[in-house]
Every structure is written in C-alpha cells, then in structure tokens.
C-alpha cells in the first residue's frame, strides 16, 4: 500500500482481506486496466520483492503472476505532484 491514493478506504481494504481469506492467494487492486496496489502479497513472492529496485514497486511481480483481484475504481487517482493535488481539490 502507498500513501498517495486519496480514495483508499476501509471498504477497499476489507475487500482485499476477504478475497485473500476466501482464496489464500495474493490479491491486487484493479483499476484503469491496471492490476496494482494496494495488494496482499503472499510469502511465496517475498524473495522477489526483496530484489526490487527503482520506483516500479511490485507491479512486475503482480502482473507476471496469477493474482486474484478486487475492483478499486478510483485507484488510478494518485497524488504525486502539487498539480495532481490541485486537480483533485477542484
């Protein structure tokens, strides 16, 4: 999970947890044709996570494996710049 997705909610987190509990598989959020974060990643991927570098995060791991998904419609909205923030509050 990151801190720049302003529309993250308790409901999204509950959906992630419920999907994980039901499947016991890694679960990622789906938005704008992207499978991404927030996500619950099971320990089978930890060694790959430890080797990550750069700013791409776990996207490569999420997209190259068979993760379950939940819909997070506003997940693509993130705040990386002052301009992003200003657009959000308009």
C-alpha atoms as a PDB file:
ATOM      1  CA  UNK A   1       0.000   0.000   0.000  1.00  0.00           C
ATOM      2  CA  UNK A   2       1.140   3.518  -0.693  1.00  0.00           C
ATOM      3  CA  UNK A   3       0.080   6.824   0.758  1.00  0.00           C
ATOM      4  CA  UNK A   4      -0.723   8.757  -2.435  1.00  0.00           C
ATOM      5  CA  UNK A   5      -4.073   7.175  -3.357  1.00  0.00           C
ATOM      6  CA  UNK A   6      -6.606   9.533  -1.743  1.00  0.00           C
ATOM      7  CA  UNK A   7      -9.602   7.295  -2.393  1.00  0.00           C
ATOM      8  CA  UNK A   8      -8.350   4.275  -0.488  1.00  0.00           C
ATOM      9  CA  UNK A   9     -10.982   3.290   2.024  1.00  0.00           C
ATOM     10  CA  UNK A  10     -11.800   0.781   4.695  1.00  0.00           C
ATOM     11  CA  UNK A  11     -14.088  -0.923   2.169  1.00  0.00           C
ATOM     12  CA  UNK A  12     -11.238  -1.471  -0.319  1.00  0.00           C
ATOM     13  CA  UNK A  13      -9.027  -2.926   2.395  1.00  0.00           C
ATOM     14  CA  UNK A  14     -11.840  -5.178   3.637  1.00  0.00           C
ATOM     15  CA  UNK A  15     -12.415  -6.450   0.093  1.00  0.00           C
ATOM     16  CA  UNK A  16      -8.704  -7.274  -0.245  1.00  0.00           C
ATOM     17  CA  UNK A  17      -8.713  -9.142   3.048  1.00  0.00           C
ATOM     18  CA  UNK A  18     -11.932 -11.017   2.295  1.00  0.00           C
ATOM     19  CA  UNK A  19     -10.676 -12.115  -1.140  1.00  0.00           C
ATOM     20  CA  UNK A  20      -7.395 -13.284   0.405  1.00  0.00           C
ATOM     21  CA  UNK A  21      -9.205 -15.179   3.164  1.00  0.00           C
ATOM     22  CA  UNK A  22     -11.500 -16.842   0.622  1.00  0.00           C
ATOM     23  CA  UNK A  23      -8.740 -17.865  -1.794  1.00  0.00           C
ATOM     24  CA  UNK A  24      -5.493 -17.872   0.213  1.00  0.00           C
ATOM     25  CA  UNK A  25      -3.904 -16.322  -2.908  1.00  0.00           C
ATOM     26  CA  UNK A  26      -2.241 -12.975  -3.473  1.00  0.00           C
ATOM     27  CA  UNK A  27      -4.766 -10.238  -4.240  1.00  0.00           C
ATOM     28  CA  UNK A  28      -4.289  -6.961  -6.109  1.00  0.00           C
ATOM     29  CA  UNK A  29      -6.483  -3.982  -6.908  1.00  0.00           C
ATOM     30  CA  UNK A  30      -7.760  -3.493 -10.442  1.00  0.00           C
ATOM     31  CA  UNK A  31      -8.320  -0.044 -11.950  1.00  0.00           C
ATOM     32  CA  UNK A  32      -7.933   1.536 -15.404  1.00  0.00           C
ATOM     33  CA  UNK A  33      -6.843  -1.826 -16.883  1.00  0.00           C
ATOM     34  CA  UNK A  34      -4.057  -1.992 -14.287  1.00  0.00           C
ATOM     35  CA  UNK A  35      -3.552  -4.675 -11.681  1.00  0.00           C
ATOM     36  CA  UNK A  36      -1.707  -2.959  -8.862  1.00  0.00           C
ATOM     37  CA  UNK A  37      -1.732  -1.713  -5.311  1.00  0.00           C
ATOM     38  CA  UNK A  38      -2.974  -1.860  -2.700  1.00  0.00           C
ATOM     39  CA  UNK A  39      -2.360  -5.575  -2.658  1.00  0.00           C
ATOM     40  CA  UNK A  40      -1.891  -8.511  -0.359  1.00  0.00           C
ATOM     41  CA  UNK A  41       1.130 -10.465  -1.499  1.00  0.00           C
ATOM     42  CA  UNK A  42       1.711 -13.925  -0.087  1.00  0.00           C
ATOM     43  CA  UNK A  43       5.071 -15.067   1.194  1.00  0.00           C
ATOM     44  CA  UNK A  44       5.827 -17.095  -1.937  1.00  0.00           C
ATOM     45  CA  UNK A  45       6.744 -13.772  -3.604  1.00  0.00           C
ATOM     46  CA  UNK A  46       8.808 -12.291  -0.774  1.00  0.00           C
ATOM     47  CA  UNK A  47      12.171 -13.220  -2.292  1.00  0.00           C
ATOM     48  CA  UNK A  48      11.186 -11.378  -5.498  1.00  0.00           C
ATOM     49  CA  UNK A  49      10.030  -8.368  -3.501  1.00  0.00           C
ATOM     50  CA  UNK A  50      13.344  -8.193  -1.653  1.00  0.00           C
ATOM     51  CA  UNK A  51      15.135  -7.902  -5.003  1.00  0.00           C
ATOM     52  CA  UNK A  52      13.088  -4.946  -6.290  1.00  0.00           C
ATOM     53  CA  UNK A  53      14.907  -1.759  -7.217  1.00  0.00           C
ATOM     54  CA  UNK A  54      13.795   1.531  -8.704  1.00  0.00           C
ATOM     55  CA  UNK A  55      10.371   3.113  -8.499  1.00  0.00           C
ATOM     56  CA  UNK A  56       8.203   0.458 -10.165  1.00  0.00           C
ATOM     57  CA  UNK A  57       7.387  -1.314  -6.932  1.00  0.00           C
ATOM     58  CA  UNK A  58       5.744  -4.704  -7.087  1.00  0.00           C
ATOM     59  CA  UNK A  59       3.843  -4.105 -10.341  1.00  0.00           C
ATOM     60  CA  UNK A  60       6.074  -6.504 -12.270  1.00  0.00           C
ATOM     61  CA  UNK A  61       5.501  -9.244  -9.708  1.00  0.00           C
ATOM     62  CA  UNK A  62       1.762  -8.604  -9.608  1.00  0.00           C
ATOM     63  CA  UNK A  63       1.374  -8.606 -13.375  1.00  0.00           C
ATOM     64  CA  UNK A  64       3.540 -11.638 -14.093  1.00  0.00           C
ATOM     65  CA  UNK A  65       1.745 -13.936 -11.656  1.00  0.00           C
ATOM     66  CA  UNK A  66      -1.743 -15.247 -11.105  1.00  0.00           C
ATOM     67  CA  UNK A  67      -3.109 -12.793  -8.540  1.00  0.00           C
ATOM     68  CA  UNK A  68      -6.756 -12.577  -7.575  1.00  0.00           C
ATOM     69  CA  UNK A  69      -8.268  -9.115  -7.982  1.00  0.00           C
ATOM     70  CA  UNK A  70     -10.732  -6.703  -6.490  1.00  0.00           C
ATOM     71  CA  UNK A  71     -12.111  -3.619  -8.220  1.00  0.00           C
ATOM     72  CA  UNK A  72     -10.837  -0.273  -6.886  1.00  0.00           C
ATOM     73  CA  UNK A  73     -12.451   2.121  -9.380  1.00  0.00           C
ATOM     74  CA  UNK A  74     -10.637   5.245  -8.174  1.00  0.00           C
ATOM     75  CA  UNK A  75      -7.296   3.529  -7.604  1.00  0.00           C
ATOM     76  CA  UNK A  76      -5.660   5.234 -10.584  1.00  0.00           C
ATOM     77  CA  UNK A  77      -6.047   8.619  -8.919  1.00  0.00           C
ATOM     78  CA  UNK A  78      -2.874   9.372  -7.041  1.00  0.00           C
ATOM     79  CA  UNK A  79      -1.175  12.493  -5.795  1.00  0.00           C
ATOM     80  CA  UNK A  80       2.456  12.764  -6.870  1.00  0.00           C
ATOM     81  CA  UNK A  81       2.746  16.489  -7.531  1.00  0.00           C
ATOM     82  CA  UNK A  82       1.279  19.793  -6.410  1.00  0.00           C
ATOM     83  CA  UNK A  83      -0.559  19.896  -9.739  1.00  0.00           C
ATOM     84  CA  UNK A  84      -2.125  16.486  -9.003  1.00  0.00           C
ATOM     85  CA  UNK A  85      -3.301  17.804  -5.647  1.00  0.00           C
ATOM     86  CA  UNK A  86      -4.706  20.996  -7.139  1.00  0.00           C
ATOM     87  CA  UNK A  87      -6.624  18.990  -9.737  1.00  0.00           C
ATOM     88  CA  UNK A  88      -8.017  16.744  -7.018  1.00  0.00           C
ATOM     89  CA  UNK A  89      -9.419  19.577  -4.917  1.00  0.00           C
ATOM     90  CA  UNK A  90     -11.061  21.363  -7.858  1.00  0.00           C
END
